[in-house]
Amino acid sequence: MELTDRIATMIEPSLLAMGFLLVRVRFGGAKRPVLQIMAERPDGTMTVEDCAEVSRAVSALLDVEDPISGEYVLEVSSPGLDRPLVKLDDYRRFAGYEAKIETVMPVEGRKRYRGRITGTEGEDVLVTVDGQNFRLPFPLIGEARLVLTDDLIEASLKGKLLPPRAEGVDIETETPAVDQDAADETA
């Protein structure tokens, strides 16, 4: 398992219990390695205080598990409006918005796409670029992010960019969901 996947598996349960959704984990840099954690609340917000809270929790977990040898910088941030698209569900959620997508190998003769996400079909991401429709196999997508457009800003201001319900998190209360049957059995 890749280092970032191991770290995500390690920290995600704690973040969910704290009321945060993990967006992405990245690690890189030669001279000054950086561990980047992107997270947000279920309503899509993330304050400076939230970043500090996540940073403290992640630091404690990393100190105990110690998955990274050597020194590194921990960076905790929100995904922002021009957020990375990491999961297949991100393409469903942001269908209708413009994105920049780069594949790891050419698809239909090209690796870079900038166009409107039209949805998903199975494991494929559907995107329209200059009136031409493309079907990009999700496993071939290397990097992708939303493009900051007036439509995206307007939807954000109207609160229309809420993330889908994450398993184990109650969006209404922003607290971990409790399985009442399991809670009753332990009481």
N, C-alpha and C. Protein backbone atom coordinates (compact mmCIF):
# COMPACT_ATOMS: atom_id res chain seq x y z
N MET A 1 0.85 -1.18 0.00
CA MET A 1 0.00 0.00 0.00
C MET A 1 0.90 1.24 0.00
N GLU A 2 0.55 2.21 -0.82
CA GLU A 2 1.30 3.45 -0.95
C GLU A 2 1.25 4.24 0.36
N LEU A 3 2.29 5.01 0.65
CA LEU A 3 2.38 5.78 1.90
C LEU A 3 1.16 6.66 2.11
N THR A 4 0.74 7.39 1.08
CA THR A 4 -0.41 8.30 1.25
C THR A 4 -1.68 7.52 1.56
N ASP A 5 -1.84 6.35 0.96
CA ASP A 5 -3.01 5.51 1.25
C ASP A 5 -2.97 5.02 2.70
N ARG A 6 -1.79 4.64 3.16
CA ARG A 6 -1.64 4.19 4.56
C ARG A 6 -1.98 5.32 5.53
N ILE A 7 -1.51 6.51 5.22
CA ILE A 7 -1.79 7.66 6.09
C ILE A 7 -3.27 7.99 6.07
N ALA A 8 -3.88 7.97 4.89
CA ALA A 8 -5.32 8.23 4.79
C ALA A 8 -6.11 7.23 5.62
N THR A 9 -5.76 5.96 5.51
CA THR A 9 -6.43 4.90 6.28
C THR A 9 -6.25 5.13 7.78
N MET A 10 -5.09 5.63 8.16
CA MET A 10 -4.77 5.86 9.56
C MET A 10 -5.56 7.05 10.14
N ILE A 11 -5.68 8.14 9.39
CA ILE A 11 -6.25 9.36 9.96
C ILE A 11 -7.74 9.55 9.69
N GLU A 12 -8.27 8.92 8.64
CA GLU A 12 -9.66 9.19 8.25
C GLU A 12 -10.68 8.88 9.35
N PRO A 13 -10.58 7.76 10.07
CA PRO A 13 -11.57 7.52 11.13
C PRO A 13 -11.59 8.62 12.20
N SER A 14 -10.43 9.12 12.57
CA SER A 14 -10.37 10.20 13.57
C SER A 14 -10.98 11.48 13.02
N LEU A 15 -10.68 11.79 11.76
CA LEU A 15 -11.24 13.00 11.16
C LEU A 15 -12.77 12.90 11.08
N LEU A 16 -13.28 11.75 10.69
CA LEU A 16 -14.73 11.56 10.65
C LEU A 16 -15.34 11.74 12.03
N ALA A 17 -14.69 11.18 13.05
CA ALA A 17 -15.19 11.30 14.42
C ALA A 17 -15.20 12.76 14.88
N MET A 18 -14.29 13.56 14.33
CA MET A 18 -14.21 14.99 14.67
C MET A 18 -15.18 15.82 13.83
N GLY A 19 -15.82 15.20 12.84
CA GLY A 19 -16.76 15.93 11.99
C GLY A 19 -16.17 16.48 10.72
N PHE A 20 -15.05 15.89 10.26
CA PHE A 20 -14.40 16.35 9.03
C PHE A 20 -14.37 15.23 8.00
N LEU A 21 -14.37 15.60 6.73
CA LEU A 21 -14.21 14.66 5.63
C LEU A 21 -12.81 14.81 5.08
N LEU A 22 -12.13 13.70 4.86
CA LEU A 22 -10.79 13.73 4.26
C LEU A 22 -10.96 13.86 2.75
N VAL A 23 -10.33 14.86 2.16
CA VAL A 23 -10.41 15.08 0.73
C VAL A 23 -9.22 14.43 0.02
N ARG A 24 -8.00 14.69 0.55
CA ARG A 24 -6.82 14.16 -0.12
C ARG A 24 -5.62 14.17 0.82
N VAL A 25 -4.74 13.20 0.62
CA VAL A 25 -3.44 13.15 1.30
C VAL A 25 -2.38 13.11 0.21
N ARG A 26 -1.37 13.98 0.35
CA ARG A 26 -0.26 14.02 -0.60
C ARG A 26 1.05 14.13 0.17
N PHE A 27 2.08 13.52 -0.37
CA PHE A 27 3.40 13.63 0.24
C PHE A 27 4.43 13.80 -0.86
N GLY A 28 5.30 14.79 -0.71
CA GLY A 28 6.31 14.99 -1.73
C GLY A 28 7.30 16.07 -1.37
N GLY A 29 8.29 16.20 -2.21
CA GLY A 29 9.34 17.19 -2.01
C GLY A 29 10.63 16.51 -1.59
N ALA A 30 11.71 16.89 -2.19
CA ALA A 30 12.99 16.25 -1.90
C ALA A 30 13.73 16.92 -0.74
N LYS A 31 13.98 18.22 -0.86
CA LYS A 31 14.75 18.91 0.17
C LYS A 31 13.94 19.15 1.44
N ARG A 32 12.68 19.49 1.27
CA ARG A 32 11.80 19.78 2.40
C ARG A 32 10.47 19.07 2.17
N PRO A 33 10.39 17.78 2.49
CA PRO A 33 9.16 17.03 2.23
C PRO A 33 7.95 17.63 2.95
N VAL A 34 6.82 17.62 2.27
CA VAL A 34 5.57 18.16 2.81
C VAL A 34 4.50 17.08 2.76
N LEU A 35 3.84 16.88 3.90
CA LEU A 35 2.66 16.02 3.97
C LEU A 35 1.46 16.94 3.95
N GLN A 36 0.69 16.89 2.87
CA GLN A 36 -0.47 17.76 2.71
C GLN A 36 -1.73 16.96 3.00
N ILE A 37 -2.53 17.48 3.92
CA ILE A 37 -3.82 16.89 4.26
C ILE A 37 -4.88 17.92 3.88
N MET A 38 -5.80 17.54 3.00
CA MET A 38 -6.92 18.40 2.64
C MET A 38 -8.16 17.81 3.28
N ALA A 39 -8.90 18.65 3.99
CA ALA A 39 -10.12 18.20 4.66
C ALA A 39 -11.15 19.31 4.62
N GLU A 40 -12.38 18.94 4.95
CA GLU A 40 -13.46 19.93 5.04
C GLU A 40 -14.55 19.39 5.93
N ARG A 41 -15.39 20.28 6.40
CA ARG A 41 -16.57 19.87 7.16
C ARG A 41 -17.60 19.34 6.17
N PRO A 42 -18.56 18.58 6.64
CA PRO A 42 -19.58 18.04 5.73
C PRO A 42 -20.35 19.12 4.96
N ASP A 43 -20.40 20.34 5.48
CA ASP A 43 -21.10 21.41 4.75
C ASP A 43 -20.18 22.12 3.76
N GLY A 44 -18.94 21.61 3.61
CA GLY A 44 -18.00 22.17 2.65
C GLY A 44 -17.14 23.30 3.18
N THR A 45 -17.31 23.67 4.45
CA THR A 45 -16.52 24.76 5.01
C THR A 45 -15.27 24.24 5.69
N MET A 46 -14.33 25.13 5.93
CA MET A 46 -13.11 24.79 6.66
C MET A 46 -12.47 26.10 7.10
N THR A 47 -12.49 26.37 8.41
CA THR A 47 -11.91 27.61 8.93
C THR A 47 -10.45 27.39 9.31
N VAL A 48 -9.77 28.47 9.64
CA VAL A 48 -8.40 28.38 10.10
C VAL A 48 -8.36 27.57 11.40
N GLU A 49 -9.35 27.78 12.26
CA GLU A 49 -9.42 27.02 13.52
C GLU A 49 -9.62 25.53 13.25
N ASP A 50 -10.43 25.22 12.23
CA ASP A 50 -10.63 23.81 11.84
C ASP A 50 -9.31 23.20 11.38
N CYS A 51 -8.55 23.96 10.58
CA CYS A 51 -7.25 23.46 10.10
C CYS A 51 -6.32 23.18 11.27
N ALA A 52 -6.32 24.07 12.26
CA ALA A 52 -5.47 23.88 13.43
C ALA A 52 -5.90 22.65 14.22
N GLU A 53 -7.21 22.46 14.35
CA GLU A 53 -7.74 21.29 15.07
C GLU A 53 -7.34 19.99 14.36
N VAL A 54 -7.50 19.96 13.05
CA VAL A 54 -7.11 18.78 12.27
C VAL A 54 -5.61 18.56 12.37
N SER A 55 -4.85 19.63 12.29
CA SER A 55 -3.39 19.52 12.37
C SER A 55 -2.95 18.89 13.69
N ARG A 56 -3.53 19.34 14.80
CA ARG A 56 -3.18 18.78 16.10
C ARG A 56 -3.51 17.29 16.17
N ALA A 57 -4.69 16.92 15.68
CA ALA A 57 -5.11 15.52 15.74
C ALA A 57 -4.22 14.65 14.85
N VAL A 58 -3.96 15.10 13.63
CA VAL A 58 -3.13 14.34 12.69
C VAL A 58 -1.70 14.22 13.23
N SER A 59 -1.17 15.32 13.79
CA SER A 59 0.18 15.28 14.36
C SER A 59 0.30 14.22 15.45
N ALA A 60 -0.71 14.15 16.31
CA ALA A 60 -0.69 13.16 17.39
C ALA A 60 -0.71 11.75 16.82
N LEU A 61 -1.55 11.51 15.82
CA LEU A 61 -1.61 10.18 15.20
C LEU A 61 -0.30 9.82 14.51
N LEU A 62 0.28 10.78 13.82
CA LEU A 62 1.54 10.52 13.12
C LEU A 62 2.69 10.30 14.10
N ASP A 63 2.66 10.99 15.23
CA ASP A 63 3.70 10.77 16.25
C ASP A 63 3.66 9.36 16.79
N VAL A 64 2.45 8.82 16.96
CA VAL A 64 2.30 7.46 17.50
C VAL A 64 2.67 6.42 16.45
N GLU A 65 2.12 6.56 15.25
CA GLU A 65 2.32 5.56 14.18
C GLU A 65 3.66 5.71 13.47
N ASP A 66 4.16 6.94 13.36
CA ASP A 66 5.44 7.26 12.72
C ASP A 66 5.63 6.61 11.34
N PRO A 67 4.71 6.90 10.38
CA PRO A 67 4.81 6.27 9.06
C PRO A 67 5.86 6.89 8.14
N ILE A 68 6.37 8.08 8.51
CA ILE A 68 7.32 8.79 7.65
C ILE A 68 8.65 8.90 8.38
N SER A 69 9.69 8.36 7.77
CA SER A 69 11.01 8.50 8.39
C SER A 69 11.60 9.85 8.00
N GLY A 70 12.28 10.48 8.93
CA GLY A 70 12.89 11.76 8.65
C GLY A 70 11.95 12.92 8.93
N GLU A 71 12.47 14.12 8.68
CA GLU A 71 11.69 15.33 8.94
C GLU A 71 10.82 15.67 7.74
N TYR A 72 9.69 16.28 8.03
CA TYR A 72 8.77 16.74 7.00
C TYR A 72 7.90 17.84 7.59
N VAL A 73 7.21 18.57 6.74
CA VAL A 73 6.30 19.63 7.15
C VAL A 73 4.88 19.11 6.97
N LEU A 74 4.05 19.29 7.99
CA LEU A 74 2.63 18.93 7.89
C LEU A 74 1.86 20.18 7.48
N GLU A 75 1.08 20.06 6.41
CA GLU A 75 0.28 21.17 5.90
C GLU A 75 -1.17 20.71 5.86
N VAL A 76 -2.04 21.40 6.57
CA VAL A 76 -3.47 21.08 6.57
C VAL A 76 -4.20 22.25 5.93
N SER A 77 -5.08 21.95 4.96
CA SER A 77 -5.80 23.01 4.27
C SER A 77 -7.18 22.53 3.83
N SER A 78 -7.98 23.50 3.40
CA SER A 78 -9.26 23.17 2.78
C SER A 78 -9.01 22.94 1.30
N PRO A 79 -9.92 22.26 0.61
CA PRO A 79 -9.71 22.05 -0.82
C PRO A 79 -9.93 23.30 -1.66
N GLY A 80 -10.65 24.29 -1.14
CA GLY A 80 -10.93 25.51 -1.89
C GLY A 80 -11.95 25.27 -3.00
N LEU A 81 -12.35 26.34 -3.66
CA LEU A 81 -13.33 26.22 -4.74
C LEU A 81 -12.77 25.50 -5.95
N ASP A 82 -11.51 25.77 -6.27
CA ASP A 82 -10.89 25.11 -7.43
C ASP A 82 -10.23 23.81 -6.97
N ARG A 83 -11.01 23.05 -6.23
CA ARG A 83 -10.58 21.84 -5.54
C ARG A 83 -10.12 20.73 -6.47
N PRO A 84 -9.27 19.88 -5.95
CA PRO A 84 -8.89 18.71 -6.74
C PRO A 84 -10.07 17.74 -6.81
N LEU A 85 -10.15 17.03 -7.89
CA LEU A 85 -11.16 15.98 -8.07
C LEU A 85 -10.42 14.66 -7.89
N VAL A 86 -10.69 13.98 -6.79
CA VAL A 86 -9.90 12.83 -6.38
C VAL A 86 -10.66 11.52 -6.53
N LYS A 87 -11.93 11.54 -6.19
CA LYS A 87 -12.75 10.33 -6.20
C LYS A 87 -13.74 10.39 -7.37
N LEU A 88 -14.18 9.22 -7.80
CA LEU A 88 -15.16 9.17 -8.88
C LEU A 88 -16.42 9.95 -8.50
N ASP A 89 -16.80 9.88 -7.24
CA ASP A 89 -17.97 10.64 -6.77
C ASP A 89 -17.81 12.14 -6.94
N ASP A 90 -16.56 12.65 -6.92
CA ASP A 90 -16.33 14.08 -7.14
C ASP A 90 -16.85 14.51 -8.51
N TYR A 91 -16.70 13.64 -9.50
CA TYR A 91 -17.14 13.97 -10.87
C TYR A 91 -18.66 13.96 -10.97
N ARG A 92 -19.29 13.10 -10.18
CA ARG A 92 -20.77 13.11 -10.13
C ARG A 92 -21.25 14.39 -9.46
N ARG A 93 -20.63 14.70 -8.33
CA ARG A 93 -21.01 15.86 -7.53
C ARG A 93 -20.86 17.17 -8.31
N PHE A 94 -19.79 17.27 -9.09
CA PHE A 94 -19.50 18.52 -9.78
C PHE A 94 -19.84 18.48 -11.27
N ALA A 95 -20.71 17.56 -11.66
CA ALA A 95 -21.19 17.53 -13.05
C ALA A 95 -21.81 18.89 -13.37
N GLY A 96 -21.47 19.40 -14.55
CA GLY A 96 -21.98 20.70 -14.96
C GLY A 96 -20.95 21.81 -14.80
N TYR A 97 -19.88 21.55 -14.07
CA TYR A 97 -18.85 22.55 -13.85
C TYR A 97 -17.62 22.24 -14.70
N GLU A 98 -16.82 23.28 -14.93
CA GLU A 98 -15.62 23.14 -15.76
C GLU A 98 -14.47 22.58 -14.93
N ALA A 99 -13.67 21.73 -15.57
CA ALA A 99 -12.52 21.13 -14.90
C ALA A 99 -11.34 21.02 -15.86
N LYS A 100 -10.15 20.97 -15.27
CA LYS A 100 -8.92 20.63 -15.99
C LYS A 100 -8.59 19.21 -15.57
N ILE A 101 -8.41 18.34 -16.55
CA ILE A 101 -8.14 16.93 -16.28
C ILE A 101 -6.92 16.52 -17.09
N GLU A 102 -6.00 15.83 -16.43
CA GLU A 102 -4.83 15.30 -17.12
C GLU A 102 -4.76 13.80 -16.87
N THR A 103 -4.62 13.06 -17.95
CA THR A 103 -4.54 11.60 -17.83
C THR A 103 -3.08 11.16 -17.80
N VAL A 104 -2.83 9.97 -17.27
CA VAL A 104 -1.46 9.47 -17.16
C VAL A 104 -0.96 8.93 -18.49
N MET A 105 -1.87 8.62 -19.39
CA MET A 105 -1.51 8.22 -20.75
C MET A 105 -2.58 8.75 -21.69
N PRO A 106 -2.26 8.92 -22.96
CA PRO A 106 -3.23 9.51 -23.88
C PRO A 106 -4.54 8.71 -23.98
N VAL A 107 -5.63 9.46 -24.02
CA VAL A 107 -6.96 8.90 -24.27
C VAL A 107 -7.49 9.65 -25.48
N GLU A 108 -7.82 8.92 -26.52
CA GLU A 108 -8.27 9.53 -27.78
C GLU A 108 -7.24 10.54 -28.28
N GLY A 109 -5.95 10.21 -28.13
CA GLY A 109 -4.88 11.01 -28.69
C GLY A 109 -4.45 12.22 -27.89
N ARG A 110 -4.96 12.38 -26.67
CA ARG A 110 -4.55 13.53 -25.88
C ARG A 110 -4.51 13.19 -24.40
N LYS A 111 -3.76 14.01 -23.64
CA LYS A 111 -3.65 13.79 -22.20
C LYS A 111 -4.27 14.93 -21.39
N ARG A 112 -4.50 16.08 -22.00
CA ARG A 112 -5.03 17.24 -21.27
C ARG A 112 -6.41 17.61 -21.81
N TYR A 113 -7.31 17.83 -20.85
CA TYR A 113 -8.69 18.18 -21.18
C TYR A 113 -9.11 19.34 -20.29
N ARG A 114 -9.75 20.33 -20.89
CA ARG A 114 -10.37 21.41 -20.12
C ARG A 114 -11.76 21.57 -20.69
N GLY A 115 -12.73 21.19 -19.88
CA GLY A 115 -14.10 21.26 -20.35
C GLY A 115 -15.10 21.01 -19.24
N ARG A 116 -16.35 20.87 -19.63
CA ARG A 116 -17.44 20.69 -18.68
C ARG A 116 -17.63 19.22 -18.36
N ILE A 117 -17.64 18.91 -17.07
CA ILE A 117 -17.92 17.55 -16.62
C ILE A 117 -19.41 17.30 -16.89
N THR A 118 -19.71 16.22 -17.59
CA THR A 118 -21.12 15.91 -17.86
C THR A 118 -21.62 14.74 -17.03
N GLY A 119 -20.74 14.13 -16.24
CA GLY A 119 -21.16 13.06 -15.35
C GLY A 119 -20.21 11.88 -15.39
N THR A 120 -20.73 10.75 -14.98
CA THR A 120 -19.95 9.51 -15.00
C THR A 120 -20.83 8.41 -15.56
N GLU A 121 -20.18 7.40 -16.07
CA GLU A 121 -20.88 6.21 -16.54
C GLU A 121 -19.98 5.03 -16.20
N GLY A 122 -20.42 4.22 -15.25
CA GLY A 122 -19.58 3.14 -14.76
C GLY A 122 -18.33 3.73 -14.13
N GLU A 123 -17.16 3.33 -14.61
CA GLU A 123 -15.88 3.84 -14.10
C GLU A 123 -15.31 4.93 -15.00
N ASP A 124 -16.13 5.49 -15.89
CA ASP A 124 -15.66 6.51 -16.81
C ASP A 124 -16.18 7.90 -16.42
N VAL A 125 -15.34 8.89 -16.62
CA VAL A 125 -15.72 10.28 -16.43
C VAL A 125 -16.07 10.85 -17.80
N LEU A 126 -17.20 11.51 -17.88
CA LEU A 126 -17.64 12.09 -19.14
C LEU A 126 -17.39 13.59 -19.10
N VAL A 127 -16.75 14.10 -20.15
CA VAL A 127 -16.41 15.51 -20.21
C VAL A 127 -16.60 16.00 -21.64
N THR A 128 -17.07 17.24 -21.76
CA THR A 128 -17.26 17.86 -23.06
C THR A 128 -16.25 19.00 -23.20
N VAL A 129 -15.43 18.92 -24.26
CA VAL A 129 -14.40 19.93 -24.54
C VAL A 129 -14.69 20.50 -25.92
N ASP A 130 -14.96 21.79 -25.98
CA ASP A 130 -15.23 22.47 -27.25
C ASP A 130 -16.26 21.71 -28.09
N GLY A 131 -17.33 21.28 -27.46
CA GLY A 131 -18.41 20.59 -28.16
C GLY A 131 -18.17 19.13 -28.45
N GLN A 132 -17.00 18.62 -28.13
CA GLN A 132 -16.69 17.21 -28.38
C GLN A 132 -16.74 16.45 -27.05
N ASN A 133 -17.43 15.30 -27.07
CA ASN A 133 -17.58 14.49 -25.86
C ASN A 133 -16.45 13.48 -25.75
N PHE A 134 -15.92 13.34 -24.52
CA PHE A 134 -14.86 12.39 -24.23
C PHE A 134 -15.27 11.50 -23.07
N ARG A 135 -14.80 10.27 -23.11
CA ARG A 135 -15.02 9.29 -22.04
C ARG A 135 -13.64 8.93 -21.51
N LEU A 136 -13.37 9.36 -20.27
CA LEU A 136 -12.05 9.15 -19.68
C LEU A 136 -12.14 8.07 -18.60
N PRO A 137 -11.43 6.97 -18.77
CA PRO A 137 -11.43 5.94 -17.73
C PRO A 137 -10.86 6.51 -16.43
N PHE A 138 -11.62 6.45 -15.35
CA PHE A 138 -11.20 7.03 -14.08
C PHE A 138 -9.80 6.59 -13.65
N PRO A 139 -9.45 5.29 -13.78
CA PRO A 139 -8.10 4.88 -13.35
C PRO A 139 -6.96 5.55 -14.13
N LEU A 140 -7.26 6.13 -15.30
CA LEU A 140 -6.22 6.79 -16.10
C LEU A 140 -6.07 8.27 -15.78
N ILE A 141 -6.95 8.80 -14.91
CA ILE A 141 -6.86 10.22 -14.56
C ILE A 141 -5.77 10.40 -13.51
N GLY A 142 -4.79 11.24 -13.85
CA GLY A 142 -3.68 11.50 -12.93
C GLY A 142 -3.96 12.70 -12.04
N GLU A 143 -4.31 13.82 -12.63
CA GLU A 143 -4.59 15.06 -11.92
C GLU A 143 -5.86 15.67 -12.49
N ALA A 144 -6.67 16.23 -11.59
CA ALA A 144 -7.86 16.93 -12.05
C ALA A 144 -8.28 17.93 -10.98
N ARG A 145 -8.81 19.04 -11.43
CA ARG A 145 -9.32 20.03 -10.48
C ARG A 145 -10.37 20.89 -11.17
N LEU A 146 -11.25 21.46 -10.36
CA LEU A 146 -12.25 22.37 -10.88
C LEU A 146 -11.57 23.66 -11.32
N VAL A 147 -12.16 24.31 -12.30
CA VAL A 147 -11.68 25.61 -12.77
C VAL A 147 -12.56 26.67 -12.12
N LEU A 148 -11.93 27.68 -11.56
CA LEU A 148 -12.65 28.76 -10.90
C LEU A 148 -13.38 29.59 -11.95
N THR A 149 -14.69 29.40 -12.03
CA THR A 149 -15.52 30.11 -13.00
C THR A 149 -16.61 30.87 -12.26
N ASP A 150 -17.29 31.77 -12.96
CA ASP A 150 -18.41 32.50 -12.36
C ASP A 150 -19.50 31.53 -11.90
N ASP A 151 -19.76 30.47 -12.69
CA ASP A 151 -20.78 29.48 -12.31
C ASP A 151 -20.43 28.81 -10.99
N LEU A 152 -19.19 28.44 -10.82
CA LEU A 152 -18.74 27.77 -9.61
C LEU A 152 -18.83 28.71 -8.41
N ILE A 153 -18.40 29.93 -8.58
CA ILE A 153 -18.47 30.92 -7.50
C ILE A 153 -19.92 31.17 -7.10
N GLU A 154 -20.80 31.34 -8.10
CA GLU A 154 -22.22 31.58 -7.82
C GLU A 154 -22.85 30.41 -7.07
N ALA A 155 -22.56 29.19 -7.50
CA ALA A 155 -23.10 28.01 -6.83
C ALA A 155 -22.60 27.93 -5.39
N SER A 156 -21.35 28.28 -5.19
CA SER A 156 -20.78 28.26 -3.83
C SER A 156 -21.48 29.28 -2.94
N LEU A 157 -21.69 30.47 -3.47
CA LEU A 157 -22.35 31.52 -2.69
C LEU A 157 -23.79 31.15 -2.34
N LYS A 158 -24.42 30.36 -3.19
CA LYS A 158 -25.79 29.93 -2.94
C LYS A 158 -25.84 28.65 -2.11
N GLY A 159 -24.68 28.12 -1.72
CA GLY A 159 -24.63 26.91 -0.90
C GLY A 159 -24.99 25.65 -1.65
N LYS A 160 -24.79 25.63 -2.96
CA LYS A 160 -25.17 24.48 -3.78
C LYS A 160 -24.04 23.48 -3.99
N LEU A 161 -22.91 23.66 -3.32
CA LEU A 161 -21.77 22.77 -3.53
C LEU A 161 -21.54 21.86 -2.33
N LEU A 162 -22.58 21.54 -1.60
CA LEU A 162 -22.41 20.68 -0.43
C LEU A 162 -21.95 19.30 -0.85
N PRO A 163 -21.00 18.72 -0.12
CA PRO A 163 -20.54 17.37 -0.44
C PRO A 163 -21.63 16.35 -0.17
N PRO A 164 -21.54 15.20 -0.83
CA PRO A 164 -22.50 14.15 -0.54
C PRO A 164 -22.28 13.62 0.87
N ARG A 165 -23.28 12.99 1.44
CA ARG A 165 -23.18 12.44 2.80
C ARG A 165 -22.05 11.42 2.85
N ALA A 166 -21.17 11.61 3.79
CA ALA A 166 -20.07 10.67 4.00
C ALA A 166 -20.54 9.61 4.97
N GLU A 167 -20.12 8.39 4.72
CA GLU A 167 -20.49 7.30 5.60
C GLU A 167 -19.98 7.60 7.01
N GLY A 168 -20.89 7.52 7.98
CA GLY A 168 -20.50 7.73 9.37
C GLY A 168 -20.58 9.17 9.83
N VAL A 169 -20.99 10.11 8.97
CA VAL A 169 -21.09 11.51 9.38
C VAL A 169 -22.49 12.02 9.09
N ASP A 170 -23.10 12.64 10.09
CA ASP A 170 -24.42 13.22 9.94
C ASP A 170 -24.24 14.68 9.55
N ILE A 171 -24.57 15.02 8.32
CA ILE A 171 -24.34 16.37 7.81
C ILE A 171 -25.12 17.42 8.58
N GLU A 172 -26.31 17.10 9.01
CA GLU A 172 -27.14 18.08 9.71
C GLU A 172 -26.48 18.57 10.98
N THR A 173 -25.87 17.67 11.73
CA THR A 173 -25.29 18.05 13.01
C THR A 173 -23.78 18.14 12.98
N GLU A 174 -23.17 17.71 11.85
CA GLU A 174 -21.73 17.70 11.70
C GLU A 174 -21.04 16.89 12.79
N THR A 175 -21.70 15.84 13.25
CA THR A 175 -21.10 14.97 14.26
C THR A 175 -21.13 13.55 13.74
N PRO A 176 -20.28 12.70 14.29
CA PRO A 176 -20.29 11.31 13.84
C PRO A 176 -21.67 10.70 14.07
N ALA A 177 -22.15 9.97 13.07
CA ALA A 177 -23.43 9.29 13.21
C ALA A 177 -23.26 8.12 14.18
N VAL A 178 -24.29 7.86 14.96
CA VAL A 178 -24.24 6.78 15.94
C VAL A 178 -25.20 5.68 15.51
N ASP A 179 -24.71 4.45 15.48
CA ASP A 179 -25.55 3.30 15.21
C ASP A 179 -26.29 3.00 16.51
N GLN A 180 -27.57 3.41 16.59
CA GLN A 180 -28.31 3.31 17.83
C GLN A 180 -28.42 1.88 18.32
N ASP A 181 -28.58 0.90 17.43
CA ASP A 181 -28.68 -0.51 17.85
C ASP A 181 -27.38 -0.95 18.53
N ALA A 182 -26.24 -0.56 17.94
CA ALA A 182 -24.96 -0.93 18.53
C ALA A 182 -24.76 -0.22 19.86
N ALA A 183 -25.20 1.04 19.94
CA ALA A 183 -25.06 1.80 21.19
C ALA A 183 -25.91 1.18 22.28
N ASP A 184 -27.13 0.72 21.92
CA ASP A 184 -28.01 0.09 22.90
C ASP A 184 -27.43 -1.21 23.42
N GLU A 185 -26.76 -1.97 22.52
CA GLU A 185 -26.17 -3.26 22.93
C GLU A 185 -25.02 -3.07 23.90
N THR A 186 -24.27 -1.98 23.76
CA THR A 186 -23.13 -1.77 24.64
C THR A 186 -23.52 -1.11 25.94
N ALA A 187 -24.71 -0.52 26.01
CA ALA A 187 -25.15 0.18 27.22
C ALA A 187 -25.64 -0.77 28.29
